[in-house]
C-alpha cells in the first residue's frame, strides 16, 4: 500500500453530518494530525471559505432571515460553493494538497431535502455549481438528533434553530446518502468523546480504499 501522503495527494475529503456532531472540531484535529505527518492539507469550510462565500454565509445563517425560502437557501449555498470550488478547492487539488472540507453538497441534500427539495434537484444544481469537483470521501459523523442539539450550548444559528423533527429528517437523509453510495461515503459514530471519535476518524482515513 502506498504511504498515506501519496494516497491523500490530490484527494478531497469532507467531514459532514447533523448539527452538534462535532464536524468542525474533528476536521481541525484531523488537519493538525496530517500536518504533523508532513501531509499538505488545505482546510475549507462550506458555506464560506472565500470573501464572496463568507458574505453569503452571513446571509444564510442570520436568524433575522427566518422567512428565507428553501429554494433561496439552495441557490445561496450553491453560489458560495461554486466560488469555493473555483477559487480554492480545484487549485489546491491540482497542486497535490489533500483538501479537507467542513460540509459540502451532502449537507444541502440533507438540510434542503429536509425542507422539501428532492435530492435530484439539489444534485442537478450541484452539477452547475461545482461540476466534477466532488469529494473522494465524505465522512458522515452520526449521532441521535437529541444528543446533537444538546451539545449546542452556544446561541444557535438559523438552521440549528429548527425543530427536532427537522433535525431528525436531516440525520436520516445523511444516512440515506451514505447507504446509497458506500464507495464515497463512510458513517462514523460521533456519540463519544472528541478523542475517541478523532482516533476512529484517523484510523478510517488510513484504511480507506480511495476510488480511482
N, C-alpha and C. Protein backbone atom coordinates (compact mmCIF):
# COMPACT_ATOMS: atom_id res chain seq x y z
N UNK A 1 0.85 -1.20 0.00
CA UNK A 1 0.00 0.00 0.00
C UNK A 1 0.88 1.25 0.00
N UNK A 2 0.50 2.24 -0.79
CA UNK A 2 1.23 3.50 -0.81
C UNK A 2 1.19 4.15 0.56
N UNK A 3 2.24 4.95 0.86
CA UNK A 3 2.19 5.65 2.15
C UNK A 3 1.08 6.69 2.11
N UNK A 4 0.68 7.14 3.30
CA UNK A 4 -0.51 7.98 3.42
C UNK A 4 -0.38 9.28 2.64
N UNK A 5 0.81 9.89 2.64
CA UNK A 5 1.00 11.16 1.93
C UNK A 5 0.69 11.00 0.44
N UNK A 6 1.14 9.91 -0.16
CA UNK A 6 0.87 9.69 -1.58
C UNK A 6 -0.60 9.37 -1.81
N UNK A 7 -1.19 8.61 -0.91
CA UNK A 7 -2.59 8.24 -1.07
C UNK A 7 -3.52 9.44 -0.96
N UNK A 8 -3.14 10.42 -0.12
CA UNK A 8 -4.01 11.58 0.10
C UNK A 8 -3.71 12.74 -0.84
N UNK A 9 -2.63 12.66 -1.61
CA UNK A 9 -2.29 13.75 -2.52
C UNK A 9 -3.39 13.93 -3.56
N UNK A 10 -3.92 15.15 -3.65
CA UNK A 10 -4.97 15.44 -4.61
C UNK A 10 -6.32 14.86 -4.27
N UNK A 11 -6.52 14.47 -3.01
CA UNK A 11 -7.80 13.90 -2.59
C UNK A 11 -8.63 14.96 -1.86
N UNK A 12 -9.93 14.85 -2.02
CA UNK A 12 -10.89 15.78 -1.41
C UNK A 12 -11.74 14.99 -0.42
N UNK A 13 -11.57 15.30 0.86
CA UNK A 13 -12.29 14.62 1.94
C UNK A 13 -13.19 15.62 2.64
N UNK A 14 -14.44 15.26 2.84
CA UNK A 14 -15.41 16.13 3.51
C UNK A 14 -15.86 15.49 4.81
N UNK A 15 -15.88 16.28 5.88
CA UNK A 15 -16.44 15.86 7.16
C UNK A 15 -17.82 16.50 7.25
N UNK A 16 -18.85 15.68 7.37
CA UNK A 16 -20.22 16.20 7.34
C UNK A 16 -21.07 15.49 8.37
N UNK A 17 -22.32 15.88 8.46
CA UNK A 17 -23.22 15.27 9.42
C UNK A 17 -24.14 16.31 10.05
N UNK A 18 -25.05 15.86 10.90
CA UNK A 18 -26.03 16.77 11.51
C UNK A 18 -25.39 17.73 12.51
N UNK A 19 -26.17 18.74 12.90
CA UNK A 19 -25.68 19.72 13.86
C UNK A 19 -25.33 19.06 15.18
N UNK A 20 -24.22 19.52 15.77
CA UNK A 20 -23.78 19.00 17.06
C UNK A 20 -22.93 17.76 16.98
N UNK A 21 -22.64 17.28 15.76
CA UNK A 21 -21.84 16.06 15.62
C UNK A 21 -20.35 16.30 15.84
N UNK A 22 -19.93 17.56 15.82
CA UNK A 22 -18.52 17.87 16.07
C UNK A 22 -17.68 17.96 14.81
N UNK A 23 -18.29 18.29 13.69
CA UNK A 23 -17.59 18.31 12.40
C UNK A 23 -16.39 19.25 12.40
N UNK A 24 -16.60 20.49 12.82
CA UNK A 24 -15.53 21.48 12.75
C UNK A 24 -14.37 21.08 13.65
N UNK A 25 -14.68 20.59 14.84
CA UNK A 25 -13.64 20.15 15.77
C UNK A 25 -12.85 18.99 15.19
N UNK A 26 -13.56 17.99 14.66
CA UNK A 26 -12.89 16.82 14.12
C UNK A 26 -12.07 17.16 12.87
N UNK A 27 -12.59 18.04 12.02
CA UNK A 27 -11.85 18.44 10.83
C UNK A 27 -10.57 19.17 11.22
N UNK A 28 -10.65 20.04 12.21
CA UNK A 28 -9.47 20.78 12.67
C UNK A 28 -8.42 19.84 13.24
N UNK A 29 -8.85 18.90 14.07
CA UNK A 29 -7.91 17.95 14.67
C UNK A 29 -7.28 17.05 13.62
N UNK A 30 -8.08 16.62 12.64
CA UNK A 30 -7.53 15.77 11.58
C UNK A 30 -6.52 16.55 10.75
N UNK A 31 -6.81 17.80 10.44
CA UNK A 31 -5.87 18.63 9.67
C UNK A 31 -4.56 18.78 10.43
N UNK A 32 -4.64 19.02 11.73
CA UNK A 32 -3.42 19.15 12.54
C UNK A 32 -2.63 17.85 12.54
N UNK A 33 -3.33 16.72 12.63
CA UNK A 33 -2.67 15.41 12.61
C UNK A 33 -1.95 15.19 11.28
N UNK A 34 -2.61 15.51 10.18
CA UNK A 34 -1.99 15.31 8.87
C UNK A 34 -0.82 16.26 8.66
N UNK A 35 -0.96 17.51 9.11
CA UNK A 35 0.16 18.45 9.04
C UNK A 35 1.36 17.88 9.80
N UNK A 36 1.08 17.28 10.96
CA UNK A 36 2.14 16.70 11.78
C UNK A 36 2.86 15.56 11.09
N UNK A 37 2.21 14.96 10.12
CA UNK A 37 2.82 13.88 9.34
C UNK A 37 3.36 14.39 8.00
N UNK A 38 3.49 15.71 7.91
CA UNK A 38 4.05 16.36 6.72
C UNK A 38 3.22 16.10 5.45
N UNK A 39 1.92 16.02 5.64
CA UNK A 39 1.00 15.85 4.52
C UNK A 39 0.37 17.21 4.21
N UNK A 40 0.56 17.75 3.01
CA UNK A 40 0.00 19.06 2.69
C UNK A 40 -1.53 19.02 2.72
N UNK A 41 -2.11 19.88 3.55
CA UNK A 41 -3.57 19.90 3.73
C UNK A 41 -4.08 21.32 3.53
N UNK A 42 -5.19 21.44 2.84
CA UNK A 42 -5.89 22.72 2.75
C UNK A 42 -7.27 22.52 3.34
N UNK A 43 -7.55 23.22 4.45
CA UNK A 43 -8.83 23.07 5.13
C UNK A 43 -9.79 24.16 4.66
N UNK A 44 -11.04 23.78 4.35
CA UNK A 44 -12.04 24.74 3.88
C UNK A 44 -13.35 24.51 4.63
N UNK A 45 -14.16 25.57 4.70
CA UNK A 45 -15.49 25.43 5.29
C UNK A 45 -16.54 25.86 4.27
N UNK A 46 -17.70 25.25 4.39
CA UNK A 46 -18.78 25.49 3.44
C UNK A 46 -20.10 25.62 4.21
N UNK A 47 -20.85 26.72 4.05
CA UNK A 47 -20.58 27.84 3.16
C UNK A 47 -19.45 28.71 3.69
N UNK A 48 -18.86 29.48 2.80
CA UNK A 48 -17.76 30.36 3.18
C UNK A 48 -16.48 29.95 2.49
N UNK A 49 -15.36 30.30 3.10
CA UNK A 49 -14.06 29.90 2.58
C UNK A 49 -13.46 30.83 1.55
N UNK A 50 -14.24 31.82 1.11
CA UNK A 50 -13.77 32.87 0.20
C UNK A 50 -14.42 34.17 0.65
N UNK A 51 -13.93 35.30 0.13
CA UNK A 51 -14.53 36.58 0.51
C UNK A 51 -16.00 36.63 0.11
N UNK A 52 -16.30 36.15 -1.09
CA UNK A 52 -17.70 36.12 -1.53
C UNK A 52 -18.50 35.14 -0.70
N UNK A 53 -17.95 33.95 -0.50
CA UNK A 53 -18.65 32.91 0.26
C UNK A 53 -18.93 33.30 1.70
N UNK A 54 -18.01 34.04 2.31
CA UNK A 54 -18.22 34.45 3.71
C UNK A 54 -19.40 35.42 3.83
N UNK A 55 -19.58 36.28 2.83
CA UNK A 55 -20.74 37.17 2.85
C UNK A 55 -22.04 36.39 2.68
N UNK A 56 -22.01 35.40 1.80
CA UNK A 56 -23.20 34.55 1.61
C UNK A 56 -23.49 33.77 2.89
N UNK A 57 -22.45 33.28 3.55
CA UNK A 57 -22.62 32.53 4.80
C UNK A 57 -23.36 33.37 5.83
N UNK A 58 -22.99 34.64 5.95
CA UNK A 58 -23.64 35.53 6.92
C UNK A 58 -25.13 35.65 6.60
N UNK A 59 -25.47 35.80 5.35
CA UNK A 59 -26.88 35.90 4.95
C UNK A 59 -27.63 34.62 5.30
N UNK A 60 -27.02 33.47 5.00
CA UNK A 60 -27.68 32.19 5.21
C UNK A 60 -27.97 31.89 6.68
N UNK A 61 -27.03 32.23 7.55
CA UNK A 61 -27.14 31.80 8.95
C UNK A 61 -27.73 32.84 9.88
N UNK A 62 -27.96 34.04 9.38
CA UNK A 62 -28.52 35.12 10.20
C UNK A 62 -29.96 34.77 10.60
N UNK A 63 -30.22 34.75 11.91
CA UNK A 63 -31.57 34.41 12.40
C UNK A 63 -32.62 35.43 11.97
N UNK A 64 -32.19 36.62 11.55
CA UNK A 64 -33.15 37.63 11.08
C UNK A 64 -33.82 37.20 9.77
N UNK A 65 -33.20 36.25 9.07
CA UNK A 65 -33.72 35.83 7.77
C UNK A 65 -34.57 34.56 7.90
N UNK A 66 -35.43 34.53 8.90
CA UNK A 66 -36.22 33.33 9.17
C UNK A 66 -37.25 33.03 8.09
N UNK A 67 -37.54 33.99 7.23
CA UNK A 67 -38.54 33.78 6.17
C UNK A 67 -37.89 33.30 4.86
N UNK A 68 -36.60 33.06 4.87
CA UNK A 68 -35.92 32.62 3.66
C UNK A 68 -36.53 31.31 3.14
N UNK A 69 -36.84 31.26 1.86
CA UNK A 69 -37.42 30.05 1.28
C UNK A 69 -36.35 28.99 1.04
N UNK A 70 -36.78 27.75 0.95
CA UNK A 70 -35.83 26.65 0.73
C UNK A 70 -35.13 26.79 -0.63
N UNK A 71 -35.83 27.14 -1.73
CA UNK A 71 -35.11 27.35 -2.99
C UNK A 71 -34.06 28.47 -2.89
N UNK A 72 -34.37 29.52 -2.13
CA UNK A 72 -33.39 30.60 -1.93
C UNK A 72 -32.16 30.06 -1.20
N UNK A 73 -32.40 29.24 -0.16
CA UNK A 73 -31.28 28.60 0.55
C UNK A 73 -30.41 27.81 -0.42
N UNK A 74 -31.06 26.99 -1.23
CA UNK A 74 -30.33 26.15 -2.18
C UNK A 74 -29.43 26.98 -3.09
N UNK A 75 -29.98 28.04 -3.66
CA UNK A 75 -29.21 28.85 -4.60
C UNK A 75 -28.05 29.57 -3.92
N UNK A 76 -28.27 30.04 -2.70
CA UNK A 76 -27.19 30.71 -1.97
C UNK A 76 -26.08 29.74 -1.59
N UNK A 77 -26.45 28.58 -1.07
CA UNK A 77 -25.42 27.58 -0.73
C UNK A 77 -24.61 27.21 -1.97
N UNK A 78 -25.28 27.00 -3.08
CA UNK A 78 -24.57 26.60 -4.29
C UNK A 78 -23.71 27.74 -4.84
N UNK A 79 -24.15 28.98 -4.69
CA UNK A 79 -23.33 30.11 -5.13
C UNK A 79 -22.03 30.18 -4.34
N UNK A 80 -22.14 30.03 -3.02
CA UNK A 80 -20.94 30.02 -2.17
C UNK A 80 -20.02 28.87 -2.56
N UNK A 81 -20.63 27.72 -2.80
CA UNK A 81 -19.86 26.50 -3.12
C UNK A 81 -19.17 26.62 -4.48
N UNK A 82 -19.85 27.24 -5.45
CA UNK A 82 -19.25 27.42 -6.77
C UNK A 82 -17.98 28.24 -6.68
N UNK A 83 -18.01 29.31 -5.88
CA UNK A 83 -16.83 30.15 -5.73
C UNK A 83 -15.73 29.40 -4.98
N UNK A 84 -16.10 28.65 -3.95
CA UNK A 84 -15.12 27.89 -3.18
C UNK A 84 -14.41 26.86 -4.06
N UNK A 85 -15.18 26.15 -4.88
CA UNK A 85 -14.58 25.14 -5.75
C UNK A 85 -13.63 25.77 -6.76
N UNK A 86 -14.05 26.89 -7.35
CA UNK A 86 -13.24 27.53 -8.39
C UNK A 86 -12.00 28.22 -7.82
N UNK A 87 -12.17 28.89 -6.68
CA UNK A 87 -11.10 29.73 -6.14
C UNK A 87 -10.12 28.96 -5.26
N UNK A 88 -10.60 27.93 -4.57
CA UNK A 88 -9.76 27.27 -3.57
C UNK A 88 -9.57 25.77 -3.83
N UNK A 89 -10.68 25.04 -3.95
CA UNK A 89 -10.58 23.58 -3.96
C UNK A 89 -9.84 23.05 -5.18
N UNK A 90 -10.25 23.45 -6.38
CA UNK A 90 -9.60 22.92 -7.59
C UNK A 90 -8.11 23.26 -7.65
N UNK A 91 -7.72 24.52 -7.39
CA UNK A 91 -6.28 24.81 -7.41
C UNK A 91 -5.49 24.01 -6.37
N UNK A 92 -6.07 23.82 -5.19
CA UNK A 92 -5.36 23.06 -4.15
C UNK A 92 -5.19 21.60 -4.56
N UNK A 93 -6.24 20.99 -5.09
CA UNK A 93 -6.16 19.60 -5.54
C UNK A 93 -5.14 19.46 -6.66
N UNK A 94 -5.13 20.41 -7.58
CA UNK A 94 -4.19 20.36 -8.71
C UNK A 94 -2.75 20.49 -8.25
N UNK A 95 -2.55 21.14 -7.09
CA UNK A 95 -1.20 21.30 -6.53
C UNK A 95 -0.80 20.15 -5.63
N UNK A 96 -1.66 19.14 -5.51
CA UNK A 96 -1.32 17.96 -4.73
C UNK A 96 -1.72 18.00 -3.28
N UNK A 97 -2.46 19.03 -2.88
CA UNK A 97 -2.94 19.10 -1.50
C UNK A 97 -4.06 18.08 -1.27
N UNK A 98 -4.17 17.65 -0.03
CA UNK A 98 -5.39 16.98 0.43
C UNK A 98 -6.31 18.09 0.92
N UNK A 99 -7.47 18.23 0.30
CA UNK A 99 -8.43 19.25 0.72
C UNK A 99 -9.39 18.62 1.72
N UNK A 100 -9.50 19.25 2.88
CA UNK A 100 -10.34 18.75 3.96
C UNK A 100 -11.47 19.74 4.18
N UNK A 101 -12.69 19.33 3.83
CA UNK A 101 -13.83 20.23 3.89
C UNK A 101 -14.73 20.01 5.09
N UNK A 102 -15.26 21.10 5.61
CA UNK A 102 -16.26 21.08 6.68
C UNK A 102 -17.60 21.40 6.02
N UNK A 103 -18.35 20.35 5.65
CA UNK A 103 -19.62 20.38 4.91
C UNK A 103 -19.36 20.56 3.41
N UNK A 104 -20.37 20.09 2.62
CA UNK A 104 -20.32 20.27 1.17
C UNK A 104 -21.70 19.93 0.61
N UNK A 105 -21.77 19.41 -0.60
CA UNK A 105 -23.05 19.14 -1.25
C UNK A 105 -23.94 18.23 -0.42
N UNK A 106 -23.35 17.27 0.27
CA UNK A 106 -24.12 16.33 1.10
C UNK A 106 -24.96 17.05 2.14
N UNK A 107 -24.47 18.18 2.65
CA UNK A 107 -25.25 18.96 3.61
C UNK A 107 -26.50 19.54 2.96
N UNK A 108 -26.36 20.01 1.72
CA UNK A 108 -27.51 20.60 1.04
C UNK A 108 -28.55 19.54 0.72
N UNK A 109 -28.09 18.35 0.31
CA UNK A 109 -29.03 17.25 0.08
C UNK A 109 -29.81 16.96 1.35
N UNK A 110 -29.13 16.99 2.51
CA UNK A 110 -29.78 16.67 3.78
C UNK A 110 -30.66 17.81 4.29
N UNK A 111 -30.13 19.01 4.38
CA UNK A 111 -30.87 20.12 5.00
C UNK A 111 -31.98 20.66 4.10
N UNK A 112 -31.66 20.92 2.85
CA UNK A 112 -32.72 21.42 1.97
C UNK A 112 -33.66 20.28 1.57
N UNK A 113 -33.15 19.05 1.62
CA UNK A 113 -34.03 17.90 1.45
C UNK A 113 -35.03 17.80 2.58
N UNK A 114 -34.56 18.04 3.80
CA UNK A 114 -35.47 18.05 4.95
C UNK A 114 -36.48 19.19 4.84
N UNK A 115 -36.11 20.23 4.09
CA UNK A 115 -37.02 21.34 3.84
C UNK A 115 -37.98 21.09 2.69
N UNK A 116 -37.82 19.95 2.01
CA UNK A 116 -38.78 19.58 0.97
C UNK A 116 -38.25 19.47 -0.44
N UNK A 117 -36.97 19.79 -0.67
CA UNK A 117 -36.43 19.71 -2.03
C UNK A 117 -35.94 18.30 -2.34
N UNK A 118 -36.33 17.72 -3.46
CA UNK A 118 -35.85 16.39 -3.83
C UNK A 118 -34.35 16.39 -4.09
N UNK A 119 -33.71 15.27 -3.78
CA UNK A 119 -32.25 15.16 -3.94
C UNK A 119 -31.83 15.39 -5.39
N UNK A 120 -32.65 14.94 -6.35
CA UNK A 120 -32.24 15.10 -7.75
C UNK A 120 -32.17 16.57 -8.16
N UNK A 121 -33.02 17.42 -7.57
CA UNK A 121 -32.95 18.85 -7.87
C UNK A 121 -31.69 19.47 -7.27
N UNK A 122 -31.36 19.06 -6.05
CA UNK A 122 -30.15 19.57 -5.40
C UNK A 122 -28.92 19.16 -6.20
N UNK A 123 -28.86 17.90 -6.61
CA UNK A 123 -27.69 17.40 -7.33
C UNK A 123 -27.58 18.01 -8.72
N UNK A 124 -28.72 18.32 -9.35
CA UNK A 124 -28.68 19.00 -10.64
C UNK A 124 -28.07 20.39 -10.50
N UNK A 125 -28.41 21.09 -9.43
CA UNK A 125 -27.83 22.40 -9.18
C UNK A 125 -26.35 22.28 -8.82
N UNK A 126 -25.99 21.23 -8.10
CA UNK A 126 -24.58 21.00 -7.75
C UNK A 126 -23.74 20.77 -9.00
N UNK A 127 -24.32 20.11 -9.99
CA UNK A 127 -23.60 19.88 -11.25
C UNK A 127 -23.24 21.20 -11.91
N UNK A 128 -24.15 22.18 -11.83
CA UNK A 128 -23.86 23.50 -12.38
C UNK A 128 -22.82 24.22 -11.53
N UNK A 129 -22.96 24.12 -10.21
CA UNK A 129 -22.11 24.89 -9.30
C UNK A 129 -20.68 24.38 -9.23
N UNK A 130 -20.51 23.06 -9.10
CA UNK A 130 -19.16 22.53 -8.86
C UNK A 130 -18.72 21.50 -9.89
N UNK A 131 -19.62 21.07 -10.78
CA UNK A 131 -19.24 20.11 -11.80
C UNK A 131 -18.72 18.82 -11.20
N UNK A 132 -17.54 18.42 -11.61
CA UNK A 132 -16.95 17.17 -11.12
C UNK A 132 -16.15 17.33 -9.83
N UNK A 133 -16.15 18.53 -9.27
CA UNK A 133 -15.38 18.76 -8.03
C UNK A 133 -16.19 18.25 -6.85
N UNK A 134 -16.21 16.94 -6.72
CA UNK A 134 -16.95 16.26 -5.66
C UNK A 134 -15.97 15.46 -4.80
N UNK A 135 -16.34 15.19 -3.55
CA UNK A 135 -15.40 14.53 -2.64
C UNK A 135 -15.05 13.10 -3.06
N UNK A 136 -13.80 12.75 -2.81
CA UNK A 136 -13.39 11.35 -2.92
C UNK A 136 -13.97 10.55 -1.77
N UNK A 137 -14.16 11.22 -0.64
CA UNK A 137 -14.73 10.58 0.55
C UNK A 137 -15.49 11.61 1.36
N UNK A 138 -16.71 11.27 1.76
CA UNK A 138 -17.47 12.08 2.72
C UNK A 138 -17.66 11.24 3.97
N UNK A 139 -17.16 11.73 5.10
CA UNK A 139 -17.34 11.06 6.38
C UNK A 139 -18.54 11.69 7.08
N UNK A 140 -19.58 10.90 7.29
CA UNK A 140 -20.77 11.39 7.99
C UNK A 140 -20.62 11.07 9.47
N UNK A 141 -20.45 12.11 10.28
CA UNK A 141 -20.41 11.93 11.74
C UNK A 141 -21.85 11.84 12.22
N UNK A 142 -22.21 10.69 12.75
CA UNK A 142 -23.61 10.43 13.07
C UNK A 142 -23.83 10.33 14.57
N UNK A 143 -24.93 10.90 15.03
CA UNK A 143 -25.38 10.74 16.41
C UNK A 143 -26.86 11.09 16.46
N UNK A 144 -27.59 10.64 17.50
CA UNK A 144 -29.01 10.97 17.61
C UNK A 144 -29.23 12.48 17.61
N UNK A 145 -30.30 12.91 16.99
CA UNK A 145 -30.57 14.35 16.88
C UNK A 145 -30.66 15.03 18.23
N UNK A 146 -31.28 14.34 19.20
CA UNK A 146 -31.41 14.92 20.55
C UNK A 146 -30.03 15.19 21.15
N UNK A 147 -29.12 14.24 20.97
CA UNK A 147 -27.77 14.39 21.53
C UNK A 147 -27.03 15.52 20.84
N UNK A 148 -27.18 15.62 19.52
CA UNK A 148 -26.50 16.68 18.79
C UNK A 148 -26.98 18.06 19.20
N UNK A 149 -28.29 18.24 19.31
CA UNK A 149 -28.82 19.55 19.70
C UNK A 149 -28.45 19.90 21.13
N UNK A 150 -28.35 18.89 22.00
CA UNK A 150 -27.97 19.15 23.39
C UNK A 150 -26.55 19.67 23.49
N UNK A 151 -25.71 19.35 22.52
CA UNK A 151 -24.32 19.82 22.53
C UNK A 151 -24.20 21.30 22.17
N UNK A 152 -25.23 21.85 21.56
CA UNK A 152 -25.16 23.23 21.07
C UNK A 152 -25.48 24.20 22.20
N UNK A 153 -24.51 24.38 23.09
CA UNK A 153 -24.72 25.25 24.24
C UNK A 153 -24.72 26.72 23.84
N UNK A 154 -24.00 27.04 22.77
CA UNK A 154 -23.95 28.44 22.31
C UNK A 154 -25.27 28.82 21.64
N UNK A 155 -25.38 30.10 21.31
CA UNK A 155 -26.57 30.56 20.58
C UNK A 155 -26.63 29.87 19.23
N UNK A 156 -27.81 29.42 18.84
CA UNK A 156 -27.96 28.67 17.61
C UNK A 156 -28.17 29.60 16.41
N UNK A 157 -27.61 29.19 15.25
CA UNK A 157 -27.86 29.96 14.04
C UNK A 157 -29.22 29.59 13.45
N UNK A 158 -29.53 30.15 12.28
CA UNK A 158 -30.87 29.98 11.72
C UNK A 158 -31.21 28.51 11.45
N UNK A 159 -30.26 27.75 10.93
CA UNK A 159 -30.53 26.35 10.61
C UNK A 159 -30.59 25.49 11.88
N UNK A 160 -29.70 25.76 12.82
CA UNK A 160 -29.69 24.99 14.07
C UNK A 160 -30.95 25.20 14.89
N UNK A 161 -31.62 26.35 14.69
CA UNK A 161 -32.79 26.70 15.49
C UNK A 161 -34.07 25.98 15.06
N UNK A 162 -34.01 25.20 14.00
CA UNK A 162 -35.21 24.49 13.54
C UNK A 162 -35.57 23.38 14.52
N UNK A 163 -36.81 22.87 14.42
CA UNK A 163 -37.32 21.94 15.44
C UNK A 163 -36.70 20.54 15.31
N UNK A 164 -36.97 19.72 16.35
CA UNK A 164 -36.37 18.39 16.43
C UNK A 164 -36.76 17.51 15.25
N UNK A 165 -38.02 17.60 14.81
CA UNK A 165 -38.47 16.79 13.67
C UNK A 165 -37.64 17.09 12.42
N UNK A 166 -37.33 18.36 12.21
CA UNK A 166 -36.50 18.75 11.07
C UNK A 166 -35.12 18.10 11.17
N UNK A 167 -34.51 18.18 12.35
CA UNK A 167 -33.17 17.63 12.52
C UNK A 167 -33.15 16.11 12.40
N UNK A 168 -34.24 15.46 12.78
CA UNK A 168 -34.32 14.01 12.57
C UNK A 168 -34.37 13.68 11.08
N UNK A 169 -35.07 14.48 10.30
CA UNK A 169 -35.11 14.26 8.85
C UNK A 169 -33.73 14.48 8.24
N UNK A 170 -33.04 15.50 8.73
CA UNK A 170 -31.68 15.78 8.26
C UNK A 170 -30.78 14.56 8.50
N UNK A 171 -30.83 14.03 9.71
CA UNK A 171 -29.99 12.87 10.03
C UNK A 171 -30.30 11.70 9.09
N UNK A 172 -31.57 11.43 8.89
CA UNK A 172 -31.96 10.31 8.04
C UNK A 172 -31.47 10.50 6.60
N UNK A 173 -31.51 11.73 6.12
CA UNK A 173 -31.06 11.99 4.75
C UNK A 173 -29.55 11.86 4.61
N UNK A 174 -28.80 12.18 5.66
CA UNK A 174 -27.36 11.91 5.64
C UNK A 174 -27.11 10.41 5.56
N UNK A 175 -27.81 9.65 6.38
CA UNK A 175 -27.61 8.20 6.40
C UNK A 175 -28.02 7.57 5.07
N UNK A 176 -29.08 8.08 4.47
CA UNK A 176 -29.51 7.55 3.17
C UNK A 176 -28.44 7.77 2.10
N UNK A 177 -27.82 8.95 2.12
CA UNK A 177 -26.76 9.21 1.13
C UNK A 177 -25.61 8.23 1.28
N UNK A 178 -25.23 7.98 2.53
CA UNK A 178 -24.11 7.07 2.78
C UNK A 178 -24.45 5.65 2.35
N UNK A 179 -25.68 5.23 2.58
CA UNK A 179 -26.08 3.87 2.20
C UNK A 179 -26.17 3.72 0.68
N UNK A 180 -26.55 4.80 -0.01
CA UNK A 180 -26.68 4.74 -1.47
C UNK A 180 -25.32 4.72 -2.17
N UNK A 181 -24.31 5.30 -1.55
CA UNK A 181 -23.00 5.44 -2.22
C UNK A 181 -21.86 5.05 -1.27
N UNK A 182 -21.75 3.77 -0.92
CA UNK A 182 -20.73 3.34 0.04
C UNK A 182 -19.31 3.45 -0.48
N UNK A 183 -19.13 3.67 -1.78
CA UNK A 183 -17.78 3.84 -2.32
C UNK A 183 -17.22 5.22 -2.01
N UNK A 184 -18.10 6.18 -1.71
CA UNK A 184 -17.65 7.55 -1.46
C UNK A 184 -18.12 8.11 -0.12
N UNK A 185 -18.86 7.32 0.65
CA UNK A 185 -19.35 7.77 1.96
C UNK A 185 -18.98 6.75 3.03
N UNK A 186 -18.75 7.26 4.22
CA UNK A 186 -18.50 6.44 5.39
C UNK A 186 -19.30 7.02 6.56
N UNK A 187 -19.95 6.18 7.35
CA UNK A 187 -20.65 6.62 8.55
C UNK A 187 -19.77 6.34 9.76
N UNK A 188 -19.58 7.35 10.60
CA UNK A 188 -18.75 7.20 11.80
C UNK A 188 -19.56 7.63 13.01
N UNK A 189 -19.65 6.78 14.01
CA UNK A 189 -20.40 7.09 15.23
C UNK A 189 -19.72 8.24 15.97
N UNK A 190 -20.45 9.35 16.13
CA UNK A 190 -19.90 10.54 16.79
C UNK A 190 -20.41 10.71 18.21
N UNK A 191 -21.16 9.72 18.70
CA UNK A 191 -21.74 9.82 20.05
C UNK A 191 -20.74 9.29 21.07
N UNK A 192 -19.59 9.97 21.16
CA UNK A 192 -18.49 9.54 22.02
C UNK A 192 -17.64 10.76 22.32
N UNK A 193 -16.53 10.57 23.04
CA UNK A 193 -15.66 11.69 23.34
C UNK A 193 -14.96 12.18 22.08
N UNK A 194 -14.52 13.43 22.11
CA UNK A 194 -13.80 14.01 20.97
C UNK A 194 -12.58 13.16 20.62
N UNK A 195 -11.83 12.75 21.64
CA UNK A 195 -10.60 11.99 21.41
C UNK A 195 -10.88 10.64 20.76
N UNK A 196 -11.92 9.95 21.23
CA UNK A 196 -12.24 8.63 20.67
C UNK A 196 -12.73 8.75 19.23
N UNK A 197 -13.56 9.74 18.96
CA UNK A 197 -14.05 9.94 17.59
C UNK A 197 -12.88 10.28 16.67
N UNK A 198 -11.98 11.14 17.14
CA UNK A 198 -10.83 11.52 16.32
C UNK A 198 -9.95 10.32 15.99
N UNK A 199 -9.73 9.46 16.96
CA UNK A 199 -8.89 8.28 16.69
C UNK A 199 -9.54 7.37 15.66
N UNK A 200 -10.86 7.19 15.78
CA UNK A 200 -11.56 6.35 14.80
C UNK A 200 -11.53 6.99 13.42
N UNK A 201 -11.61 8.32 13.38
CA UNK A 201 -11.55 9.03 12.10
C UNK A 201 -10.18 8.84 11.45
N UNK A 202 -9.12 9.01 12.23
CA UNK A 202 -7.77 8.81 11.69
C UNK A 202 -7.59 7.39 11.17
N UNK A 203 -8.04 6.42 11.96
CA UNK A 203 -7.91 5.02 11.56
C UNK A 203 -8.67 4.75 10.26
N UNK A 204 -9.87 5.34 10.16
CA UNK A 204 -10.70 5.12 8.98
C UNK A 204 -10.05 5.71 7.73
N UNK A 205 -9.47 6.90 7.86
CA UNK A 205 -8.79 7.53 6.72
C UNK A 205 -7.60 6.68 6.29
N UNK A 206 -6.87 6.16 7.26
CA UNK A 206 -5.70 5.31 6.96
C UNK A 206 -6.11 4.09 6.15
N UNK A 207 -7.27 3.51 6.47
CA UNK A 207 -7.68 2.24 5.88
C UNK A 207 -8.54 2.39 4.63
N UNK A 208 -9.02 3.60 4.35
CA UNK A 208 -9.99 3.77 3.27
C UNK A 208 -9.38 3.46 1.91
N UNK A 209 -10.12 2.74 1.10
CA UNK A 209 -9.70 2.44 -0.28
C UNK A 209 -10.29 3.51 -1.20
N UNK A 210 -9.48 4.51 -1.53
CA UNK A 210 -9.97 5.58 -2.40
C UNK A 210 -10.17 5.05 -3.82
N UNK A 211 -11.30 5.45 -4.43
CA UNK A 211 -11.60 5.03 -5.79
C UNK A 211 -10.78 5.84 -6.78
N UNK A 212 -10.31 5.20 -7.81
CA UNK A 212 -9.50 5.89 -8.83
C UNK A 212 -10.41 6.70 -9.77
